[in-house]
PDB file of N, CA and C in Angstrom:
ATOM      1  N   MET A   1     104.519  75.178  79.874  1.00  0.00           N
ATOM      2  CA  MET A   1     105.519  75.744  80.761  1.00  0.00           C
ATOM      3  C   MET A   1     105.199  77.216  81.009  1.00  0.00           C
ATOM      4  N   LEU A   2     105.262  77.630  82.267  1.00  0.00           N
ATOM      5  CA  LEU A   2     104.962  79.003  82.632  1.00  0.00           C
ATOM      6  C   LEU A   2     106.152  79.906  82.345  1.00  0.00           C
ATOM      7  N   ASP A   3     105.864  81.112  81.866  1.00  0.00           N
ATOM      8  CA  ASP A   3     106.968  82.040  81.698  1.00  0.00           C
ATOM      9  C   ASP A   3     107.249  82.744  83.025  1.00  0.00           C
ATOM     10  N   LEU A   4     108.277  83.547  83.070  1.00  0.00           N
ATOM     11  CA  LEU A   4     108.756  84.134  84.316  1.00  0.00           C
ATOM     12  C   LEU A   4     107.714  85.034  84.964  1.00  0.00           C
ATOM     13  N   SER A   5     107.004  85.816  84.179  1.00  0.00           N
ATOM     14  CA  SER A   5     106.014  86.724  84.768  1.00  0.00           C
ATOM     15  C   SER A   5     104.869  85.957  85.418  1.00  0.00           C
ATOM     16  N   GLU A   6     104.473  84.832  84.840  1.00  0.00           N
ATOM     17  CA  GLU A   6     103.415  84.020  85.447  1.00  0.00           C
ATOM     18  C   GLU A   6     103.904  83.359  86.730  1.00  0.00           C
ATOM     19  N   LYS A   7     105.158  82.945  86.747  1.00  0.00           N
ATOM     20  CA  LYS A   7     105.715  82.347  87.960  1.00  0.00           C
ATOM     21  C   LYS A   7     105.809  83.382  89.076  1.00  0.00           C
ATOM     22  N   LEU A   8     106.233  84.592  88.732  1.00  0.00           N
ATOM     23  CA  LEU A   8     106.318  85.641  89.742  1.00  0.00           C
ATOM     24  C   LEU A   8     104.937  86.060  90.227  1.00  0.00           C
ATOM     25  N   GLU A   9     103.939  85.950  89.381  1.00  0.00           N
ATOM     26  CA  GLU A   9     102.565  86.270  89.783  1.00  0.00           C
ATOM     27  C   GLU A   9     102.062  85.276  90.834  1.00  0.00           C
ATOM     28  N   LYS A  10     102.602  84.070  90.827  1.00  0.00           N
ATOM     29  CA  LYS A  10     102.221  83.079  91.838  1.00  0.00           C
ATOM     30  C   LYS A  10     102.608  83.530  93.243  1.00  0.00           C
ATOM     31  N   LEU A  11     103.571  84.444  93.351  1.00  0.00           N
ATOM     32  CA  LEU A  11     103.971  84.948  94.665  1.00  0.00           C
ATOM     33  C   LEU A  11     102.840  85.711  95.343  1.00  0.00           C
ATOM     34  N   ARG A  12     101.996  86.359  94.561  1.00  0.00           N
ATOM     35  CA  ARG A  12     100.891  87.130  95.145  1.00  0.00           C
ATOM     36  C   ARG A  12      99.909  86.240  95.890  1.00  0.00           C
ATOM     37  N   ILE A  13      99.687  85.038  95.407  1.00  0.00           N
ATOM     38  CA  ILE A  13      98.681  84.175  96.026  1.00  0.00           C
ATOM     39  C   ILE A  13      99.285  83.183  97.011  1.00  0.00           C
ATOM     40  N   THR A  14     100.617  83.212  97.157  1.00  0.00           N
ATOM     41  CA  THR A  14     101.270  82.308  98.096  1.00  0.00           C
ATOM     42  C   THR A  14     101.121  82.860  99.507  1.00  0.00           C
ATOM     43  N   LEU A  15     100.947  81.972 100.471  1.00  0.00           N
ATOM     44  CA  LEU A  15     100.825  82.387 101.859  1.00  0.00           C
ATOM     45  C   LEU A  15     102.109  83.057 102.332  1.00  0.00           C
ATOM     46  N   PHE A  16     101.960  83.975 103.314  1.00  0.00           N
ATOM     47  CA  PHE A  16     103.113  84.751 103.766  1.00  0.00           C
ATOM     48  C   PHE A  16     104.211  83.867 104.346  1.00  0.00           C
ATOM     49  N   ASP A  17     103.845  82.838 105.100  1.00  0.00           N
ATOM     50  CA  ASP A  17     104.883  81.997 105.701  1.00  0.00           C
ATOM     51  C   ASP A  17     105.626  81.168 104.665  1.00  0.00           C
ATOM     52  N   GLN A  18     105.057  81.017 103.479  1.00  0.00           N
ATOM     53  CA  GLN A  18     105.736  80.287 102.409  1.00  0.00           C
ATOM     54  C   GLN A  18     106.604  81.203 101.556  1.00  0.00           C
ATOM     55  N   ARG A  19     106.542  82.509 101.817  1.00  0.00           N
ATOM     56  CA  ARG A  19     107.362  83.450 101.060  1.00  0.00           C
ATOM     57  C   ARG A  19     108.076  84.436 101.967  1.00  0.00           C
ATOM     58  N   SER A  20     108.316  84.031 103.207  1.00  0.00           N
ATOM     59  CA  SER A  20     108.934  84.943 104.165  1.00  0.00           C
ATOM     60  C   SER A  20     110.425  85.129 103.910  1.00  0.00           C
ATOM     61  N   THR A  21     111.080  84.144 103.343  1.00  0.00           N
ATOM     62  CA  THR A  21     112.492  84.288 102.983  1.00  0.00           C
ATOM     63  C   THR A  21     112.630  84.150 101.472  1.00  0.00           C
ATOM     64  N   LEU A  22     113.749  84.584 100.979  1.00  0.00           N
ATOM     65  CA  LEU A  22     113.989  84.512  99.537  1.00  0.00           C
ATOM     66  C   LEU A  22     114.029  83.073  99.057  1.00  0.00           C
ATOM     67  N   ARG A  23     114.614  82.202  99.854  1.00  0.00           N
ATOM     68  CA  ARG A  23     114.693  80.788  99.485  1.00  0.00           C
ATOM     69  C   ARG A  23     113.307  80.157  99.454  1.00  0.00           C
ATOM     70  N   ALA A  24     112.473  80.471 100.442  1.00  0.00           N
ATOM     71  CA  ALA A  24     111.122  79.918 100.486  1.00  0.00           C
ATOM     72  C   ALA A  24     110.272  80.468  99.349  1.00  0.00           C
ATOM     73  N   ALA A  25     110.423  81.745  99.055  1.00  0.00           N
ATOM     74  CA  ALA A  25     109.660  82.357  97.970  1.00  0.00           C
ATOM     75  C   ALA A  25     110.048  81.769  96.623  1.00  0.00           C
ATOM     76  N   SER A  26     111.327  81.520  96.429  1.00  0.00           N
ATOM     77  CA  SER A  26     111.758  80.970  95.146  1.00  0.00           C
ATOM     78  C   SER A  26     111.251  79.551  94.948  1.00  0.00           C
ATOM     79  N   SER A  27     111.217  78.769  96.007  1.00  0.00           N
ATOM     80  CA  SER A  27     110.702  77.407  95.857  1.00  0.00           C
ATOM     81  C   SER A  27     109.186  77.396  95.723  1.00  0.00           C
ATOM     82  N   ALA A  28     108.501  78.369  96.309  1.00  0.00           N
ATOM     83  CA  ALA A  28     107.041  78.419  96.218  1.00  0.00           C
ATOM     84  C   ALA A  28     106.563  78.779  94.816  1.00  0.00           C
ATOM     85  N   CYS A  29     107.312  79.636  94.123  1.00  0.00           N
ATOM     86  CA  CYS A  29     106.858  80.049  92.795  1.00  0.00           C
ATOM     87  C   CYS A  29     107.611  79.362  91.667  1.00  0.00           C
ATOM     88  N   GLY A  30     108.677  78.634  91.980  1.00  0.00           N
ATOM     89  CA  GLY A  30     109.388  77.894  90.950  1.00  0.00           C
ATOM     90  C   GLY A  30     110.404  78.707  90.178  1.00  0.00           C
ATOM     91  N   VAL A  31     110.888  79.796  90.766  1.00  0.00           N
ATOM     92  CA  VAL A  31     111.893  80.643  90.137  1.00  0.00           C
ATOM     93  C   VAL A  31     113.202  80.449  90.891  1.00  0.00           C
ATOM     94  N   ALA A  32     114.305  80.492  90.191  1.00  0.00           N
ATOM     95  CA  ALA A  32     115.602  80.355  90.843  1.00  0.00           C
ATOM     96  C   ALA A  32     115.819  81.496  91.832  1.00  0.00           C
ATOM     97  N   ARG A  33     116.510  81.200  92.927  1.00  0.00           N
ATOM     98  CA  ARG A  33     116.728  82.198  93.970  1.00  0.00           C
ATOM     99  C   ARG A  33     117.508  83.400  93.439  1.00  0.00           C
ATOM    100  N   ALA A  34     118.499  83.157  92.599  1.00  0.00           N
ATOM    101  CA  ALA A  34     119.301  84.249  92.042  1.00  0.00           C
ATOM    102  C   ALA A  34     118.456  85.145  91.141  1.00  0.00           C
ATOM    103  N   THR A  35     117.558  84.554  90.378  1.00  0.00           N
ATOM    104  CA  THR A  35     116.668  85.330  89.521  1.00  0.00           C
ATOM    105  C   THR A  35     115.742  86.190  90.360  1.00  0.00           C
ATOM    106  N   LEU A  36     115.201  85.608  91.411  1.00  0.00           N
ATOM    107  CA  LEU A  36     114.317  86.355  92.295  1.00  0.00           C
ATOM    108  C   LEU A  36     115.072  87.484  92.992  1.00  0.00           C
ATOM    109  N   GLN A  37     116.309  87.227  93.383  1.00  0.00           N
ATOM    110  CA  GLN A  37     117.130  88.258  94.020  1.00  0.00           C
ATOM    111  C   GLN A  37     117.386  89.419  93.069  1.00  0.00           C
ATOM    112  N   ARG A  38     117.650  89.119  91.793  1.00  0.00           N
ATOM    113  CA  ARG A  38     117.853  90.182  90.807  1.00  0.00           C
ATOM    114  C   ARG A  38     116.591  91.009  90.625  1.00  0.00           C
ATOM    115  N   ARG A  39     115.422  90.360  90.657  1.00  0.00           N
ATOM    116  CA  ARG A  39     114.151  91.080  90.518  1.00  0.00           C
ATOM    117  C   ARG A  39     113.895  91.977  91.723  1.00  0.00           C
ATOM    118  N   VAL A  40     114.246  91.516  92.916  1.00  0.00           N
ATOM    119  CA  VAL A  40     114.085  92.338  94.118  1.00  0.00           C
ATOM    120  C   VAL A  40     115.038  93.523  94.063  1.00  0.00           C
ATOM    121  N   LYS A  41     116.272  93.270  93.693  1.00  0.00           N
ATOM    122  CA  LYS A  41     117.269  94.335  93.622  1.00  0.00           C
ATOM    123  C   LYS A  41     116.912  95.352  92.541  1.00  0.00           C
ATOM    124  N   GLY A  42     116.339  94.893  91.447  1.00  0.00           N
ATOM    125  CA  GLY A  42     115.950  95.783  90.366  1.00  0.00           C
ATOM    126  C   GLY A  42     114.638  96.509  90.597  1.00  0.00           C
ATOM    127  N   GLY A  43     113.910  96.132  91.638  1.00  0.00           N
ATOM    128  CA  GLY A  43     112.660  96.814  91.958  1.00  0.00           C
ATOM    129  C   GLY A  43     111.434  96.223  91.297  1.00  0.00           C
ATOM    130  N   GLN A  44     111.572  95.119  90.582  1.00  0.00           N
ATOM    131  CA  GLN A  44     110.419  94.510  89.929  1.00  0.00           C
ATOM    132  C   GLN A  44     109.593  93.687  90.898  1.00  0.00           C
ATOM    133  N   VAL A  45     110.222  93.187  91.956  1.00  0.00           N
ATOM    134  CA  VAL A  45     109.539  92.502  93.048  1.00  0.00           C
ATOM    135  C   VAL A  45     109.881  93.282  94.304  1.00  0.00           C
ATOM    136  N   VAL A  46     108.843  93.703  95.028  1.00  0.00           N
ATOM    137  CA  VAL A  46     109.048  94.556  96.195  1.00  0.00           C
ATOM    138  C   VAL A  46     108.963  93.711  97.453  1.00  0.00           C
ATOM    139  N   ALA A  47     109.947  93.872  98.326  1.00  0.00           N
ATOM    140  CA  ALA A  47     109.938  93.168  99.603  1.00  0.00           C
ATOM    141  C   ALA A  47     108.870  93.770 100.502  1.00  0.00           C
ATOM    142  N   HIS A  48     108.141  92.913 101.191  1.00  0.00           N
ATOM    143  CA  HIS A  48     107.081  93.349 102.096  1.00  0.00           C
ATOM    144  C   HIS A  48     107.546  93.132 103.525  1.00  0.00           C
ATOM    145  N   ILE A  49     107.436  94.175 104.330  1.00  0.00           N
ATOM    146  CA  ILE A  49     107.857  94.089 105.727  1.00  0.00           C
ATOM    147  C   ILE A  49     106.631  94.285 106.603  1.00  0.00           C
ATOM    148  N   SER A  50     106.420  93.362 107.523  1.00  0.00           N
ATOM    149  CA  SER A  50     105.316  93.510 108.465  1.00  0.00           C
ATOM    150  C   SER A  50     105.884  93.812 109.847  1.00  0.00           C
ATOM    151  N   ASN A  51     105.230  94.701 110.550  1.00  0.00           N
ATOM    152  CA  ASN A  51     105.675  95.060 111.890  1.00  0.00           C
ATOM    153  C   ASN A  51     105.171  94.029 112.880  1.00  0.00           C
ATOM    154  N   VAL A  52     106.086  93.402 113.579  1.00  0.00           N
ATOM    155  CA  VAL A  52     105.717  92.406 114.569  1.00  0.00           C
ATOM    156  C   VAL A  52     105.380  93.089 115.890  1.00  0.00           C
ATOM    157  N   LYS A  53     106.165  94.090 116.245  1.00  0.00           N
ATOM    158  CA  LYS A  53     105.941  94.812 117.494  1.00  0.00           C
ATOM    159  C   LYS A  53     105.419  96.215 117.176  1.00  0.00           C
ATOM    160  N   PRO A  54     104.424  96.690 117.903  1.00  0.00           N
ATOM    161  CA  PRO A  54     103.946  98.052 117.669  1.00  0.00           C
ATOM    162  C   PRO A  54     104.958  99.079 118.177  1.00  0.00           C
ATOM    163  N   LEU A  55     104.834 100.285 117.696  1.00  0.00           N
ATOM    164  CA  LEU A  55     105.710 101.347 118.166  1.00  0.00           C
ATOM    165  C   LEU A  55     105.390 101.668 119.616  1.00  0.00           C
ATOM    166  N   LEU A  56     106.408 101.889 120.398  1.00  0.00           N
ATOM    167  CA  LEU A  56     106.214 102.226 121.802  1.00  0.00           C
ATOM    168  C   LEU A  56     106.139 103.740 121.941  1.00  0.00           C
ATOM    169  N   THR A  57     105.004 104.225 122.391  1.00  0.00           N
ATOM    170  CA  THR A  57     104.832 105.661 122.592  1.00  0.00           C
ATOM    171  C   THR A  57     104.330 105.915 124.000  1.00  0.00           C
ATOM    172  N   ASP A  58     104.623 107.101 124.520  1.00  0.00           N
ATOM    173  CA  ASP A  58     104.145 107.470 125.856  1.00  0.00           C
ATOM    174  C   ASP A  58     102.928 108.356 125.758  1.00  0.00           C
TER     175      ASP A  58
END
């Protein structure tokens, strides 16, 4: 059985579309959604934001 740190490490190798939401990320790594939410809120797991649209400049 994997411990929590090993399960969270699986998030690094998971594809982005499989971890785009908290629910998808929790099912991809096998951690409960509430546990993952606490880790994000506590700063142990950092949310990644990608820019879909470039900045509009003149």
